[in-house]
Amino acid sequence: MKTRTPTFAEELADEYGRWMTYAQAAKELNCSARHLRHLTERGQLACWTIGDTQALRLKTADVAALMRRVA
């Protein structure tokens, strides 16, 4: 029986759950957290606060959606 290879989004969700920090997302995408914040400022990446804290989180699915195959 052939086993299915998990997608990038599934791998991220397994490791981080539903939410990621900017630092975690930057590490997985191999870019800077500053670049991700610029994407948020331009409205290209949604950002959320959890509870009453000022800690910002990104949805894992949104982070995975930034990666796309080009070849």
PDB file of N, CA and C in Angstrom:
ATOM      1  N   MET A   1       0.836  -1.183   0.000  1.00  0.00           N
ATOM      2  CA  MET A   1       0.000   0.000   0.000  1.00  0.00           C
ATOM      3  C   MET A   1       0.882   1.248   0.000  1.00  0.00           C
ATOM      4  N   LYS A   2       0.542   2.188  -0.812  1.00  0.00           N
ATOM      5  CA  LYS A   2       1.310   3.418  -0.939  1.00  0.00           C
ATOM      6  C   LYS A   2       0.898   4.394   0.174  1.00  0.00           C
ATOM      7  N   THR A   3       1.905   4.941   0.878  1.00  0.00           N
ATOM      8  CA  THR A   3       1.608   5.909   1.932  1.00  0.00           C
ATOM      9  C   THR A   3       1.630   7.313   1.354  1.00  0.00           C
ATOM     10  N   ARG A   4       0.777   8.162   1.898  1.00  0.00           N
ATOM     11  CA  ARG A   4       0.668   9.536   1.434  1.00  0.00           C
ATOM     12  C   ARG A   4       1.666  10.409   2.178  1.00  0.00           C
ATOM     13  N   THR A   5       2.355  11.256   1.441  1.00  0.00           N
ATOM     14  CA  THR A   5       3.304  12.198   2.029  1.00  0.00           C
ATOM     15  C   THR A   5       2.530  13.401   2.553  1.00  0.00           C
ATOM     16  N   PRO A   6       2.763  13.786   3.822  1.00  0.00           N
ATOM     17  CA  PRO A   6       2.036  14.949   4.352  1.00  0.00           C
ATOM     18  C   PRO A   6       2.443  16.235   3.639  1.00  0.00           C
ATOM     19  N   THR A   7       1.493  17.140   3.511  1.00  0.00           N
ATOM     20  CA  THR A   7       1.762  18.433   2.877  1.00  0.00           C
ATOM     21  C   THR A   7       2.518  19.330   3.854  1.00  0.00           C
ATOM     22  N   PHE A   8       3.053  20.422   3.322  1.00  0.00           N
ATOM     23  CA  PHE A   8       3.759  21.396   4.160  1.00  0.00           C
ATOM     24  C   PHE A   8       2.828  21.928   5.247  1.00  0.00           C
ATOM     25  N   ALA A   9       1.577  22.207   4.881  1.00  0.00           N
ATOM     26  CA  ALA A   9       0.603  22.724   5.853  1.00  0.00           C
ATOM     27  C   ALA A   9       0.351  21.711   6.964  1.00  0.00           C
ATOM     28  N   GLU A  10       0.245  20.452   6.617  1.00  0.00           N
ATOM     29  CA  GLU A  10       0.015  19.407   7.626  1.00  0.00           C
ATOM     30  C   GLU A  10       1.219  19.259   8.544  1.00  0.00           C
ATOM     31  N   GLU A  11       2.413  19.355   7.988  1.00  0.00           N
ATOM     32  CA  GLU A  11       3.616  19.259   8.811  1.00  0.00           C
ATOM     33  C   GLU A  11       3.700  20.418   9.797  1.00  0.00           C
ATOM     34  N   LEU A  12       3.370  21.626   9.336  1.00  0.00           N
ATOM     35  CA  LEU A  12       3.382  22.782  10.233  1.00  0.00           C
ATOM     36  C   LEU A  12       2.343  22.627  11.338  1.00  0.00           C
ATOM     37  N   ALA A  13       1.151  22.187  10.978  1.00  0.00           N
ATOM     38  CA  ALA A  13       0.085  22.019  11.965  1.00  0.00           C
ATOM     39  C   ALA A  13       0.457  20.956  12.993  1.00  0.00           C
ATOM     40  N   ASP A  14       1.116  19.902  12.560  1.00  0.00           N
ATOM     41  CA  ASP A  14       1.548  18.860  13.501  1.00  0.00           C
ATOM     42  C   ASP A  14       2.571  19.397  14.487  1.00  0.00           C
ATOM     43  N   GLU A  15       3.466  20.249  14.008  1.00  0.00           N
ATOM     44  CA  GLU A  15       4.528  20.758  14.872  1.00  0.00           C
ATOM     45  C   GLU A  15       4.088  21.920  15.761  1.00  0.00           C
ATOM     46  N   TYR A  16       3.289  22.846  15.210  1.00  0.00           N
ATOM     47  CA  TYR A  16       2.970  24.073  15.942  1.00  0.00           C
ATOM     48  C   TYR A  16       1.513  24.193  16.389  1.00  0.00           C
ATOM     49  N   GLY A  17       0.638  23.373  15.871  1.00  0.00           N
ATOM     50  CA  GLY A  17      -0.776  23.524  16.188  1.00  0.00           C
ATOM     51  C   GLY A  17      -1.409  24.566  15.281  1.00  0.00           C
ATOM     52  N   ARG A  18      -2.464  25.213  15.760  1.00  0.00           N
ATOM     53  CA  ARG A  18      -3.199  26.162  14.927  1.00  0.00           C
ATOM     54  C   ARG A  18      -2.518  27.514  14.800  1.00  0.00           C
ATOM     55  N   TRP A  19      -1.734  27.908  15.801  1.00  0.00           N
ATOM     56  CA  TRP A  19      -1.140  29.244  15.843  1.00  0.00           C
ATOM     57  C   TRP A  19       0.382  29.202  15.857  1.00  0.00           C
ATOM     58  N   MET A  20       1.007  30.208  15.252  1.00  0.00           N
ATOM     59  CA  MET A  20       2.462  30.337  15.225  1.00  0.00           C
ATOM     60  C   MET A  20       2.841  31.768  15.597  1.00  0.00           C
ATOM     61  N   THR A  21       4.037  31.928  16.136  1.00  0.00           N
ATOM     62  CA  THR A  21       4.576  33.261  16.360  1.00  0.00           C
ATOM     63  C   THR A  21       5.266  33.717  15.068  1.00  0.00           C
ATOM     64  N   TYR A  22       5.584  34.991  15.013  1.00  0.00           N
ATOM     65  CA  TYR A  22       6.336  35.495  13.861  1.00  0.00           C
ATOM     66  C   TYR A  22       7.693  34.797  13.756  1.00  0.00           C
ATOM     67  N   ALA A  23       8.340  34.569  14.878  1.00  0.00           N
ATOM     68  CA  ALA A  23       9.661  33.925  14.870  1.00  0.00           C
ATOM     69  C   ALA A  23       9.573  32.496  14.337  1.00  0.00           C
ATOM     70  N   GLN A  24       8.569  31.752  14.751  1.00  0.00           N
ATOM     71  CA  GLN A  24       8.409  30.383  14.266  1.00  0.00           C
ATOM     72  C   GLN A  24       8.118  30.363  12.770  1.00  0.00           C
ATOM     73  N   ALA A  25       7.245  31.253  12.329  1.00  0.00           N
ATOM     74  CA  ALA A  25       6.902  31.320  10.908  1.00  0.00           C
ATOM     75  C   ALA A  25       8.117  31.709  10.075  1.00  0.00           C
ATOM     76  N   ALA A  26       8.887  32.666  10.566  1.00  0.00           N
ATOM     77  CA  ALA A  26      10.085  33.103   9.843  1.00  0.00           C
ATOM     78  C   ALA A  26      11.082  31.960   9.710  1.00  0.00           C
ATOM     79  N   LYS A  27      11.234  31.177  10.763  1.00  0.00           N
ATOM     80  CA  LYS A  27      12.151  30.044  10.722  1.00  0.00           C
ATOM     81  C   LYS A  27      11.709  29.026   9.667  1.00  0.00           C
ATOM     82  N   GLU A  28      10.431  28.708   9.642  1.00  0.00           N
ATOM     83  CA  GLU A  28       9.926  27.707   8.698  1.00  0.00           C
ATOM     84  C   GLU A  28       9.959  28.195   7.253  1.00  0.00           C
ATOM     85  N   LEU A  29       9.757  29.491   7.037  1.00  0.00           N
ATOM     86  CA  LEU A  29       9.740  30.041   5.677  1.00  0.00           C
ATOM     87  C   LEU A  29      11.104  30.530   5.222  1.00  0.00           C
ATOM     88  N   ASN A  30      12.079  30.484   6.134  1.00  0.00           N
ATOM     89  CA  ASN A  30      13.433  30.935   5.825  1.00  0.00           C
ATOM     90  C   ASN A  30      13.449  32.402   5.381  1.00  0.00           C
ATOM     91  N   CYS A  31      12.769  33.222   6.166  1.00  0.00           N
ATOM     92  CA  CYS A  31      12.765  34.667   5.932  1.00  0.00           C
ATOM     93  C   CYS A  31      12.808  35.346   7.294  1.00  0.00           C
ATOM     94  N   SER A  32      12.794  36.653   7.312  1.00  0.00           N
ATOM     95  CA  SER A  32      12.855  37.371   8.584  1.00  0.00           C
ATOM     96  C   SER A  32      11.447  37.623   9.129  1.00  0.00           C
ATOM     97  N   ALA A  33      11.370  37.757  10.444  1.00  0.00           N
ATOM     98  CA  ALA A  33      10.102  38.118  11.072  1.00  0.00           C
ATOM     99  C   ALA A  33       9.680  39.509  10.604  1.00  0.00           C
ATOM    100  N   ARG A  34      10.642  40.364  10.363  1.00  0.00           N
ATOM    101  CA  ARG A  34      10.353  41.714   9.869  1.00  0.00           C
ATOM    102  C   ARG A  34       9.634  41.660   8.522  1.00  0.00           C
ATOM    103  N   HIS A  35      10.079  40.771   7.641  1.00  0.00           N
ATOM    104  CA  HIS A  35       9.417  40.619   6.340  1.00  0.00           C
ATOM    105  C   HIS A  35       7.961  40.188   6.529  1.00  0.00           C
ATOM    106  N   LEU A  36       7.727  39.271   7.453  1.00  0.00           N
ATOM    107  CA  LEU A  36       6.358  38.821   7.714  1.00  0.00           C
ATOM    108  C   LEU A  36       5.501  39.959   8.270  1.00  0.00           C
ATOM    109  N   ARG A  37       6.093  40.799   9.097  1.00  0.00           N
ATOM    110  CA  ARG A  37       5.354  41.960   9.620  1.00  0.00           C
ATOM    111  C   ARG A  37       5.009  42.939   8.492  1.00  0.00           C
ATOM    112  N   HIS A  38       5.910  43.085   7.523  1.00  0.00           N
ATOM    113  CA  HIS A  38       5.617  43.930   6.361  1.00  0.00           C
ATOM    114  C   HIS A  38       4.435  43.353   5.573  1.00  0.00           C
ATOM    115  N   LEU A  39       4.392  42.034   5.430  1.00  0.00           N
ATOM    116  CA  LEU A  39       3.258  41.399   4.742  1.00  0.00           C
ATOM    117  C   LEU A  39       1.958  41.671   5.499  1.00  0.00           C
ATOM    118  N   THR A  40       2.026  41.655   6.816  1.00  0.00           N
ATOM    119  CA  THR A  40       0.847  41.957   7.631  1.00  0.00           C
ATOM    120  C   THR A  40       0.417  43.408   7.427  1.00  0.00           C
ATOM    121  N   GLU A  41       1.387  44.326   7.431  1.00  0.00           N
ATOM    122  CA  GLU A  41       1.071  45.745   7.233  1.00  0.00           C
ATOM    123  C   GLU A  41       0.416  46.003   5.879  1.00  0.00           C
ATOM    124  N   ARG A  42       0.823  45.244   4.862  1.00  0.00           N
ATOM    125  CA  ARG A  42       0.252  45.400   3.516  1.00  0.00           C
ATOM    126  C   ARG A  42      -1.062  44.648   3.341  1.00  0.00           C
ATOM    127  N   GLY A  43      -1.482  43.903   4.377  1.00  0.00           N
ATOM    128  CA  GLY A  43      -2.732  43.160   4.303  1.00  0.00           C
ATOM    129  C   GLY A  43      -2.620  41.823   3.597  1.00  0.00           C
ATOM    130  N   GLN A  44      -1.405  41.331   3.404  1.00  0.00           N
ATOM    131  CA  GLN A  44      -1.198  40.065   2.713  1.00  0.00           C
ATOM    132  C   GLN A  44      -1.107  38.871   3.670  1.00  0.00           C
ATOM    133  N   LEU A  45      -1.021  39.138   4.954  1.00  0.00           N
ATOM    134  CA  LEU A  45      -0.932  38.083   5.963  1.00  0.00           C
ATOM    135  C   LEU A  45      -1.705  38.538   7.195  1.00  0.00           C
ATOM    136  N   ALA A  46      -2.733  37.782   7.545  1.00  0.00           N
ATOM    137  CA  ALA A  46      -3.562  38.136   8.702  1.00  0.00           C
ATOM    138  C   ALA A  46      -2.799  37.871   9.998  1.00  0.00           C
ATOM    139  N   CYS A  47      -3.076  38.693  10.990  1.00  0.00           N
ATOM    140  CA  CYS A  47      -2.423  38.600  12.298  1.00  0.00           C
ATOM    141  C   CYS A  47      -3.511  38.675  13.370  1.00  0.00           C
ATOM    142  N   TRP A  48      -3.331  37.942  14.460  1.00  0.00           N
ATOM    143  CA  TRP A  48      -4.342  37.849  15.509  1.00  0.00           C
ATOM    144  C   TRP A  48      -3.717  38.055  16.878  1.00  0.00           C
ATOM    145  N   THR A  49      -4.508  38.571  17.819  1.00  0.00           N
ATOM    146  CA  THR A  49      -4.088  38.583  19.215  1.00  0.00           C
ATOM    147  C   THR A  49      -4.878  37.499  19.934  1.00  0.00           C
ATOM    148  N   ILE A  50      -4.248  36.891  20.911  1.00  0.00           N
ATOM    149  CA  ILE A  50      -4.881  35.826  21.669  1.00  0.00           C
ATOM    150  C   ILE A  50      -5.228  36.384  23.045  1.00  0.00           C
ATOM    151  N   GLY A  51      -6.512  36.462  23.355  1.00  0.00           N
ATOM    152  CA  GLY A  51      -6.935  36.970  24.650  1.00  0.00           C
ATOM    153  C   GLY A  51      -6.652  38.458  24.800  1.00  0.00           C
ATOM    154  N   ASP A  52      -6.358  38.864  26.020  1.00  0.00           N
ATOM    155  CA  ASP A  52      -6.099  40.276  26.321  1.00  0.00           C
ATOM    156  C   ASP A  52      -4.629  40.653  26.172  1.00  0.00           C
ATOM    157  N   THR A  53      -3.810  39.728  25.754  1.00  0.00           N
ATOM    158  CA  THR A  53      -2.383  40.008  25.639  1.00  0.00           C
ATOM    159  C   THR A  53      -2.090  40.771  24.354  1.00  0.00           C
ATOM    160  N   GLN A  54      -0.893  41.307  24.275  1.00  0.00           N
ATOM    161  CA  GLN A  54      -0.467  41.976  23.049  1.00  0.00           C
ATOM    162  C   GLN A  54       0.356  41.047  22.170  1.00  0.00           C
ATOM    163  N   ALA A  55       0.416  39.762  22.549  1.00  0.00           N
ATOM    164  CA  ALA A  55       1.162  38.792  21.752  1.00  0.00           C
ATOM    165  C   ALA A  55       0.438  38.554  20.432  1.00  0.00           C
ATOM    166  N   LEU A  56       1.146  38.678  19.327  1.00  0.00           N
ATOM    167  CA  LEU A  56       0.568  38.493  18.010  1.00  0.00           C
ATOM    168  C   LEU A  56       0.829  37.083  17.515  1.00  0.00           C
ATOM    169  N   ARG A  57      -0.155  36.498  16.873  1.00  0.00           N
ATOM    170  CA  ARG A  57      -0.028  35.137  16.352  1.00  0.00           C
ATOM    171  C   ARG A  57      -0.510  35.096  14.906  1.00  0.00           C
ATOM    172  N   LEU A  58       0.006  34.137  14.176  1.00  0.00           N
ATOM    173  CA  LEU A  58      -0.380  33.892  12.793  1.00  0.00           C
ATOM    174  C   LEU A  58      -1.020  32.514  12.718  1.00  0.00           C
ATOM    175  N   LYS A  59      -2.036  32.377  11.885  1.00  0.00           N
ATOM    176  CA  LYS A  59      -2.618  31.052  11.689  1.00  0.00           C
ATOM    177  C   LYS A  59      -1.638  30.212  10.877  1.00  0.00           C
ATOM    178  N   THR A  60      -1.448  28.988  11.323  1.00  0.00           N
ATOM    179  CA  THR A  60      -0.521  28.086  10.645  1.00  0.00           C
ATOM    180  C   THR A  60      -0.912  27.902   9.181  1.00  0.00           C
ATOM    181  N   ALA A  61      -2.202  27.793   8.908  1.00  0.00           N
ATOM    182  CA  ALA A  61      -2.666  27.619   7.526  1.00  0.00           C
ATOM    183  C   ALA A  61      -2.316  28.826   6.662  1.00  0.00           C
ATOM    184  N   ASP A  62      -2.389  30.038   7.236  1.00  0.00           N
ATOM    185  CA  ASP A  62      -2.035  31.247   6.484  1.00  0.00           C
ATOM    186  C   ASP A  62      -0.544  31.279   6.155  1.00  0.00           C
ATOM    187  N   VAL A  63       0.265  30.830   7.106  1.00  0.00           N
ATOM    188  CA  VAL A  63       1.714  30.778   6.884  1.00  0.00           C
ATOM    189  C   VAL A  63       2.028  29.772   5.777  1.00  0.00           C
ATOM    190  N   ALA A  64       1.403  28.602   5.847  1.00  0.00           N
ATOM    191  CA  ALA A  64       1.637  27.575   4.832  1.00  0.00           C
ATOM    192  C   ALA A  64       1.196  28.050   3.453  1.00  0.00           C
ATOM    193  N   ALA A  65       0.154  28.872   3.402  1.00  0.00           N
ATOM    194  CA  ALA A  65      -0.350  29.376   2.118  1.00  0.00           C
ATOM    195  C   ALA A  65       0.637  30.316   1.426  1.00  0.00           C
ATOM    196  N   LEU A  66       1.569  30.870   2.180  1.00  0.00           N
ATOM    197  CA  LEU A  66       2.579  31.752   1.573  1.00  0.00           C
ATOM    198  C   LEU A  66       3.556  30.961   0.691  1.00  0.00           C
ATOM    199  N   MET A  67       3.719  29.677   0.996  1.00  0.00           N
ATOM    200  CA  MET A  67       4.625  28.836   0.195  1.00  0.00           C
ATOM    201  C   MET A  67       3.862  28.310  -1.014  1.00  0.00           C
ATOM    202  N   ARG A  68       4.475  28.424  -2.172  1.00  0.00           N
ATOM    203  CA  ARG A  68       3.868  27.880  -3.366  1.00  0.00           C
ATOM    204  C   ARG A  68       4.943  27.305  -4.273  1.00  0.00           C
ATOM    205  N   ARG A  69       4.591  26.281  -4.967  1.00  0.00           N
ATOM    206  CA  ARG A  69       5.524  25.623  -5.865  1.00  0.00           C
ATOM    207  C   ARG A  69       5.636  26.440  -7.152  1.00  0.00           C
ATOM    208  N   VAL A  70       6.872  26.659  -7.601  1.00  0.00           N
ATOM    209  CA  VAL A  70       7.076  27.458  -8.801  1.00  0.00           C
ATOM    210  C   VAL A  70       7.647  26.656  -9.966  1.00  0.00           C
ATOM    211  N   ALA A  71       8.107  25.475  -9.713  1.00  0.00           N
ATOM    212  CA  ALA A  71       8.634  24.652 -10.815  1.00  0.00           C
ATOM    213  C   ALA A  71       8.354  23.203 -10.570  1.00  0.00           C
TER     214      ALA A  71
END
